[in-house]
Amino acid sequence: MIVKTDNHNMQENDLPIGLAKPALRALANSDLRTLEQISKLSESELMNLHGIGPNAVEQLRSALEMKGLKFSNQ
């Protein structure tokens, strides 16, 4: 999915399909649009975002692993 970030820049969104809307909003509100950006956070930092719960963390962990990435504390 491509997310328009402004009139000139486009950024690919590689977040997992099926991620709950509250989780997507939490990530967007924190300007986290890619798995690479999310991999710079620890699981506890991610869980501190309002709208991110255990299911979202598990979905993101699986998506990170498929790309050869992991949370920063692992």
PDB file of N, CA and C in Angstrom:
ATOM      1  N   MET A   1       0.851  -1.167   0.000  1.00  0.00           N
ATOM      2  CA  MET A   1       0.000   0.000   0.000  1.00  0.00           C
ATOM      3  C   MET A   1       0.897   1.230   0.000  1.00  0.00           C
ATOM      4  N   ILE A   2       0.516   2.240  -0.748  1.00  0.00           N
ATOM      5  CA  ILE A   2       1.269   3.486  -0.798  1.00  0.00           C
ATOM      6  C   ILE A   2       0.509   4.530   0.002  1.00  0.00           C
ATOM      7  N   VAL A   3       1.221   5.235   0.858  1.00  0.00           N
ATOM      8  CA  VAL A   3       0.627   6.283   1.674  1.00  0.00           C
ATOM      9  C   VAL A   3       1.189   7.609   1.210  1.00  0.00           C
ATOM     10  N   LYS A   4       0.321   8.533   0.861  1.00  0.00           N
ATOM     11  CA  LYS A   4       0.777   9.850   0.440  1.00  0.00           C
ATOM     12  C   LYS A   4       1.128  10.651   1.683  1.00  0.00           C
ATOM     13  N   THR A   5       2.399  11.070   1.777  1.00  0.00           N
ATOM     14  CA  THR A   5       2.832  11.796   2.961  1.00  0.00           C
ATOM     15  C   THR A   5       2.802  13.301   2.742  1.00  0.00           C
ATOM     16  N   ASP A   6       2.926  13.751   1.518  1.00  0.00           N
ATOM     17  CA  ASP A   6       2.727  15.150   1.147  1.00  0.00           C
ATOM     18  C   ASP A   6       2.597  15.196  -0.366  1.00  0.00           C
ATOM     19  N   ASN A   7       2.619  16.371  -0.961  1.00  0.00           N
ATOM     20  CA  ASN A   7       2.400  16.476  -2.398  1.00  0.00           C
ATOM     21  C   ASN A   7       3.527  15.883  -3.227  1.00  0.00           C
ATOM     22  N   HIS A   8       4.711  15.720  -2.655  1.00  0.00           N
ATOM     23  CA  HIS A   8       5.850  15.274  -3.442  1.00  0.00           C
ATOM     24  C   HIS A   8       6.371  13.906  -3.044  1.00  0.00           C
ATOM     25  N   ASN A   9       6.201  13.520  -1.818  1.00  0.00           N
ATOM     26  CA  ASN A   9       6.791  12.274  -1.329  1.00  0.00           C
ATOM     27  C   ASN A   9       5.733  11.198  -1.148  1.00  0.00           C
ATOM     28  N   MET A  10       6.078   9.995  -1.572  1.00  0.00           N
ATOM     29  CA  MET A  10       5.228   8.835  -1.354  1.00  0.00           C
ATOM     30  C   MET A  10       6.052   7.848  -0.538  1.00  0.00           C
ATOM     31  N   GLN A  11       5.419   7.179   0.384  1.00  0.00           N
ATOM     32  CA  GLN A  11       6.117   6.227   1.232  1.00  0.00           C
ATOM     33  C   GLN A  11       5.337   4.925   1.242  1.00  0.00           C
ATOM     34  N   GLU A  12       6.038   3.819   1.064  1.00  0.00           N
ATOM     35  CA  GLU A  12       5.372   2.526   1.070  1.00  0.00           C
ATOM     36  C   GLU A  12       5.006   2.127   2.494  1.00  0.00           C
ATOM     37  N   ASN A  13       3.799   1.630   2.645  1.00  0.00           N
ATOM     38  CA  ASN A  13       3.314   1.132   3.929  1.00  0.00           C
ATOM     39  C   ASN A  13       3.330  -0.387   3.834  1.00  0.00           C
ATOM     40  N   ASP A  14       4.190  -1.035   4.618  1.00  0.00           N
ATOM     41  CA  ASP A  14       4.287  -2.491   4.571  1.00  0.00           C
ATOM     42  C   ASP A  14       3.714  -3.138   5.831  1.00  0.00           C
ATOM     43  N   LEU A  15       2.790  -2.445   6.473  1.00  0.00           N
ATOM     44  CA  LEU A  15       2.169  -2.980   7.685  1.00  0.00           C
ATOM     45  C   LEU A  15       1.282  -4.167   7.325  1.00  0.00           C
ATOM     46  N   PRO A  16       1.132  -5.110   8.245  1.00  0.00           N
ATOM     47  CA  PRO A  16       0.349  -6.312   7.929  1.00  0.00           C
ATOM     48  C   PRO A  16      -1.120  -6.006   7.656  1.00  0.00           C
ATOM     49  N   ILE A  17      -1.651  -6.693   6.664  1.00  0.00           N
ATOM     50  CA  ILE A  17      -3.080  -6.592   6.355  1.00  0.00           C
ATOM     51  C   ILE A  17      -3.836  -7.235   7.511  1.00  0.00           C
ATOM     52  N   GLY A  18      -4.923  -6.627   7.914  1.00  0.00           N
ATOM     53  CA  GLY A  18      -5.715  -7.176   9.006  1.00  0.00           C
ATOM     54  C   GLY A  18      -5.395  -6.573  10.357  1.00  0.00           C
ATOM     55  N   LEU A  19      -4.416  -5.674  10.392  1.00  0.00           N
ATOM     56  CA  LEU A  19      -4.106  -4.987  11.645  1.00  0.00           C
ATOM     57  C   LEU A  19      -5.313  -4.125  12.016  1.00  0.00           C
ATOM     58  N   ALA A  20      -5.739  -4.188  13.254  1.00  0.00           N
ATOM     59  CA  ALA A  20      -6.946  -3.481  13.703  1.00  0.00           C
ATOM     60  C   ALA A  20      -6.819  -1.974  13.501  1.00  0.00           C
ATOM     61  N   LYS A  21      -7.940  -1.335  13.250  1.00  0.00           N
ATOM     62  CA  LYS A  21      -7.945   0.109  13.006  1.00  0.00           C
ATOM     63  C   LYS A  21      -7.376   0.918  14.167  1.00  0.00           C
ATOM     64  N   PRO A  22      -7.672   0.575  15.427  1.00  0.00           N
ATOM     65  CA  PRO A  22      -7.044   1.341  16.514  1.00  0.00           C
ATOM     66  C   PRO A  22      -5.517   1.256  16.470  1.00  0.00           C
ATOM     67  N   ALA A  23      -5.001   0.084  16.118  1.00  0.00           N
ATOM     68  CA  ALA A  23      -3.548  -0.081  16.018  1.00  0.00           C
ATOM     69  C   ALA A  23      -2.998   0.743  14.859  1.00  0.00           C
ATOM     70  N   LEU A  24      -3.685   0.721  13.726  1.00  0.00           N
ATOM     71  CA  LEU A  24      -3.245   1.519  12.577  1.00  0.00           C
ATOM     72  C   LEU A  24      -3.241   3.006  12.913  1.00  0.00           C
ATOM     73  N   ARG A  25      -4.273   3.458  13.621  1.00  0.00           N
ATOM     74  CA  ARG A  25      -4.328   4.872  14.019  1.00  0.00           C
ATOM     75  C   ARG A  25      -3.194   5.204  14.977  1.00  0.00           C
ATOM     76  N   ALA A  26      -2.921   4.311  15.919  1.00  0.00           N
ATOM     77  CA  ALA A  26      -1.840   4.545  16.884  1.00  0.00           C
ATOM     78  C   ALA A  26      -0.505   4.680  16.165  1.00  0.00           C
ATOM     79  N   LEU A  27      -0.263   3.814  15.196  1.00  0.00           N
ATOM     80  CA  LEU A  27       0.989   3.880  14.440  1.00  0.00           C
ATOM     81  C   LEU A  27       1.051   5.160  13.610  1.00  0.00           C
ATOM     82  N   ALA A  28      -0.047   5.490  12.936  1.00  0.00           N
ATOM     83  CA  ALA A  28      -0.078   6.703  12.116  1.00  0.00           C
ATOM     84  C   ALA A  28       0.124   7.951  12.969  1.00  0.00           C
ATOM     85  N   ASN A  29      -0.512   7.994  14.137  1.00  0.00           N
ATOM     86  CA  ASN A  29      -0.368   9.153  15.023  1.00  0.00           C
ATOM     87  C   ASN A  29       1.052   9.299  15.549  1.00  0.00           C
ATOM     88  N   SER A  30       1.800   8.206  15.551  1.00  0.00           N
ATOM     89  CA  SER A  30       3.201   8.233  15.986  1.00  0.00           C
ATOM     90  C   SER A  30       4.148   8.316  14.793  1.00  0.00           C
ATOM     91  N   ASP A  31       3.586   8.536  13.607  1.00  0.00           N
ATOM     92  CA  ASP A  31       4.352   8.653  12.361  1.00  0.00           C
ATOM     93  C   ASP A  31       5.166   7.393  12.079  1.00  0.00           C
ATOM     94  N   LEU A  32       4.602   6.248  12.415  1.00  0.00           N
ATOM     95  CA  LEU A  32       5.223   4.951  12.126  1.00  0.00           C
ATOM     96  C   LEU A  32       4.477   4.343  10.951  1.00  0.00           C
ATOM     97  N   ARG A  33       5.113   4.308   9.799  1.00  0.00           N
ATOM     98  CA  ARG A  33       4.450   3.869   8.577  1.00  0.00           C
ATOM     99  C   ARG A  33       5.028   2.580   7.990  1.00  0.00           C
ATOM    100  N   THR A  34       6.217   2.182   8.454  1.00  0.00           N
ATOM    101  CA  THR A  34       6.859   1.001   7.884  1.00  0.00           C
ATOM    102  C   THR A  34       7.338   0.068   8.989  1.00  0.00           C
ATOM    103  N   LEU A  35       7.544  -1.174   8.616  1.00  0.00           N
ATOM    104  CA  LEU A  35       8.073  -2.145   9.572  1.00  0.00           C
ATOM    105  C   LEU A  35       9.482  -1.769  10.003  1.00  0.00           C
ATOM    106  N   GLU A  36      10.257  -1.187   9.110  1.00  0.00           N
ATOM    107  CA  GLU A  36      11.611  -0.763   9.480  1.00  0.00           C
ATOM    108  C   GLU A  36      11.562   0.280  10.598  1.00  0.00           C
ATOM    109  N   GLN A  37      10.633   1.227  10.503  1.00  0.00           N
ATOM    110  CA  GLN A  37      10.484   2.229  11.566  1.00  0.00           C
ATOM    111  C   GLN A  37      10.056   1.556  12.870  1.00  0.00           C
ATOM    112  N   ILE A  38       9.127   0.622  12.789  1.00  0.00           N
ATOM    113  CA  ILE A  38       8.626  -0.071  13.976  1.00  0.00           C
ATOM    114  C   ILE A  38       9.728  -0.905  14.622  1.00  0.00           C
ATOM    115  N   SER A  39      10.638  -1.444  13.819  1.00  0.00           N
ATOM    116  CA  SER A  39      11.711  -2.288  14.357  1.00  0.00           C
ATOM    117  C   SER A  39      12.673  -1.509  15.248  1.00  0.00           C
ATOM    118  N   LYS A  40      12.606  -0.203  15.203  1.00  0.00           N
ATOM    119  CA  LYS A  40      13.470   0.621  16.053  1.00  0.00           C
ATOM    120  C   LYS A  40      12.907   0.771  17.464  1.00  0.00           C
ATOM    121  N   LEU A  41      11.680   0.276  17.665  1.00  0.00           N
ATOM    122  CA  LEU A  41      11.034   0.339  18.979  1.00  0.00           C
ATOM    123  C   LEU A  41      11.155  -1.000  19.690  1.00  0.00           C
ATOM    124  N   SER A  42      11.105  -0.953  20.999  1.00  0.00           N
ATOM    125  CA  SER A  42      10.988  -2.193  21.769  1.00  0.00           C
ATOM    126  C   SER A  42       9.503  -2.557  21.839  1.00  0.00           C
ATOM    127  N   GLU A  43       9.222  -3.790  22.215  1.00  0.00           N
ATOM    128  CA  GLU A  43       7.826  -4.200  22.370  1.00  0.00           C
ATOM    129  C   GLU A  43       7.129  -3.354  23.425  1.00  0.00           C
ATOM    130  N   SER A  44       7.821  -3.040  24.508  1.00  0.00           N
ATOM    131  CA  SER A  44       7.186  -2.247  25.570  1.00  0.00           C
ATOM    132  C   SER A  44       6.900  -0.824  25.092  1.00  0.00           C
ATOM    133  N   GLU A  45       7.784  -0.250  24.282  1.00  0.00           N
ATOM    134  CA  GLU A  45       7.511   1.085  23.730  1.00  0.00           C
ATOM    135  C   GLU A  45       6.284   1.035  22.832  1.00  0.00           C
ATOM    136  N   LEU A  46       6.189  -0.006  22.037  1.00  0.00           N
ATOM    137  CA  LEU A  46       5.043  -0.160  21.145  1.00  0.00           C
ATOM    138  C   LEU A  46       3.757  -0.338  21.950  1.00  0.00           C
ATOM    139  N   MET A  47       3.807  -1.148  23.000  1.00  0.00           N
ATOM    140  CA  MET A  47       2.624  -1.389  23.835  1.00  0.00           C
ATOM    141  C   MET A  47       2.164  -0.127  24.562  1.00  0.00           C
ATOM    142  N   ASN A  48       3.050   0.839  24.728  1.00  0.00           N
ATOM    143  CA  ASN A  48       2.679   2.089  25.387  1.00  0.00           C
ATOM    144  C   ASN A  48       1.840   2.997  24.498  1.00  0.00           C
ATOM    145  N   LEU A  49       1.762   2.685  23.207  1.00  0.00           N
ATOM    146  CA  LEU A  49       0.940   3.495  22.305  1.00  0.00           C
ATOM    147  C   LEU A  49      -0.529   3.134  22.512  1.00  0.00           C
ATOM    148  N   HIS A  50      -1.350   4.136  22.716  1.00  0.00           N
ATOM    149  CA  HIS A  50      -2.785   3.909  22.888  1.00  0.00           C
ATOM    150  C   HIS A  50      -3.345   3.313  21.600  1.00  0.00           C
ATOM    151  N   GLY A  51      -3.941   2.137  21.698  1.00  0.00           N
ATOM    152  CA  GLY A  51      -4.506   1.460  20.533  1.00  0.00           C
ATOM    153  C   GLY A  51      -3.728   0.218  20.132  1.00  0.00           C
ATOM    154  N   ILE A  52      -2.547   0.041  20.718  1.00  0.00           N
ATOM    155  CA  ILE A  52      -1.735  -1.146  20.437  1.00  0.00           C
ATOM    156  C   ILE A  52      -1.913  -2.139  21.579  1.00  0.00           C
ATOM    157  N   GLY A  53      -2.363  -3.329  21.233  1.00  0.00           N
ATOM    158  CA  GLY A  53      -2.540  -4.378  22.235  1.00  0.00           C
ATOM    159  C   GLY A  53      -1.722  -5.604  21.882  1.00  0.00           C
ATOM    160  N   PRO A  54      -1.881  -6.662  22.660  1.00  0.00           N
ATOM    161  CA  PRO A  54      -1.099  -7.884  22.438  1.00  0.00           C
ATOM    162  C   PRO A  54      -1.280  -8.492  21.043  1.00  0.00           C
ATOM    163  N   ASN A  55      -2.497  -8.441  20.516  1.00  0.00           N
ATOM    164  CA  ASN A  55      -2.729  -9.001  19.177  1.00  0.00           C
ATOM    165  C   ASN A  55      -1.967  -8.219  18.118  1.00  0.00           C
ATOM    166  N   ALA A  56      -1.977  -6.901  18.216  1.00  0.00           N
ATOM    167  CA  ALA A  56      -1.251  -6.072  17.253  1.00  0.00           C
ATOM    168  C   ALA A  56       0.246  -6.330  17.353  1.00  0.00           C
ATOM    169  N   VAL A  57       0.752  -6.455  18.570  1.00  0.00           N
ATOM    170  CA  VAL A  57       2.185  -6.723  18.756  1.00  0.00           C
ATOM    171  C   VAL A  57       2.552  -8.058  18.112  1.00  0.00           C
ATOM    172  N   GLU A  58       1.722  -9.064  18.296  1.00  0.00           N
ATOM    173  CA  GLU A  58       1.999 -10.380  17.701  1.00  0.00           C
ATOM    174  C   GLU A  58       1.973 -10.307  16.176  1.00  0.00           C
ATOM    175  N   GLN A  59       0.991  -9.601  15.618  1.00  0.00           N
ATOM    176  CA  GLN A  59       0.921  -9.449  14.164  1.00  0.00           C
ATOM    177  C   GLN A  59       2.151  -8.714  13.642  1.00  0.00           C
ATOM    178  N   LEU A  60       2.554  -7.675  14.339  1.00  0.00           N
ATOM    179  CA  LEU A  60       3.726  -6.911  13.917  1.00  0.00           C
ATOM    180  C   LEU A  60       4.999  -7.737  14.078  1.00  0.00           C
ATOM    181  N   ARG A  61       5.102  -8.513  15.145  1.00  0.00           N
ATOM    182  CA  ARG A  61       6.272  -9.379  15.352  1.00  0.00           C
ATOM    183  C   ARG A  61       6.405 -10.364  14.186  1.00  0.00           C
ATOM    184  N   SER A  62       5.299 -10.981  13.806  1.00  0.00           N
ATOM    185  CA  SER A  62       5.316 -11.936  12.691  1.00  0.00           C
ATOM    186  C   SER A  62       5.715 -11.256  11.389  1.00  0.00           C
ATOM    187  N   ALA A  63       5.172 -10.070  11.150  1.00  0.00           N
ATOM    188  CA  ALA A  63       5.505  -9.333   9.927  1.00  0.00           C
ATOM    189  C   ALA A  63       6.979  -8.929   9.918  1.00  0.00           C
ATOM    190  N   LEU A  64       7.490  -8.509  11.072  1.00  0.00           N
ATOM    191  CA  LEU A  64       8.908  -8.160  11.172  1.00  0.00           C
ATOM    192  C   LEU A  64       9.774  -9.377  10.863  1.00  0.00           C
ATOM    193  N   GLU A  65       9.438 -10.522  11.446  1.00  0.00           N
ATOM    194  CA  GLU A  65      10.219 -11.743  11.232  1.00  0.00           C
ATOM    195  C   GLU A  65      10.241 -12.144   9.764  1.00  0.00           C
ATOM    196  N   MET A  66       9.123 -11.959   9.071  1.00  0.00           N
ATOM    197  CA  MET A  66       9.068 -12.306   7.647  1.00  0.00           C
ATOM    198  C   MET A  66       9.993 -11.418   6.818  1.00  0.00           C
ATOM    199  N   LYS A  67      10.306 -10.242   7.317  1.00  0.00           N
ATOM    200  CA  LYS A  67      11.218  -9.329   6.616  1.00  0.00           C
ATOM    201  C   LYS A  67      12.630  -9.389   7.180  1.00  0.00           C
ATOM    202  N   GLY A  68      12.867 -10.307   8.113  1.00  0.00           N
ATOM    203  CA  GLY A  68      14.192 -10.424   8.711  1.00  0.00           C
ATOM    204  C   GLY A  68      14.490  -9.335   9.727  1.00  0.00           C
ATOM    205  N   LEU A  69      13.434  -8.744  10.291  1.00  0.00           N
ATOM    206  CA  LEU A  69      13.578  -7.681  11.281  1.00  0.00           C
ATOM    207  C   LEU A  69      13.081  -8.175  12.631  1.00  0.00           C
ATOM    208  N   LYS A  70      13.348  -7.402  13.669  1.00  0.00           N
ATOM    209  CA  LYS A  70      12.830  -7.703  15.003  1.00  0.00           C
ATOM    210  C   LYS A  70      12.735  -6.406  15.796  1.00  0.00           C
ATOM    211  N   PHE A  71      12.018  -6.466  16.917  1.00  0.00           N
ATOM    212  CA  PHE A  71      11.930  -5.305  17.795  1.00  0.00           C
ATOM    213  C   PHE A  71      13.310  -5.007  18.364  1.00  0.00           C
ATOM    214  N   SER A  72      13.541  -3.775  18.766  1.00  0.00           N
ATOM    215  CA  SER A  72      14.884  -3.351  19.175  1.00  0.00           C
ATOM    216  C   SER A  72      15.412  -4.071  20.406  1.00  0.00           C
ATOM    217  N   ASN A  73      14.547  -4.577  21.271  1.00  0.00           N
ATOM    218  CA  ASN A  73      15.012  -5.229  22.499  1.00  0.00           C
ATOM    219  C   ASN A  73      15.236  -6.722  22.341  1.00  0.00           C
ATOM    220  N   GLN A  74      15.179  -7.232  21.134  1.00  0.00           N
ATOM    221  CA  GLN A  74      15.320  -8.680  20.930  1.00  0.00           C
ATOM    222  C   GLN A  74      16.626  -8.994  20.247  1.00  0.00           C
TER     223      GLN A  74
END
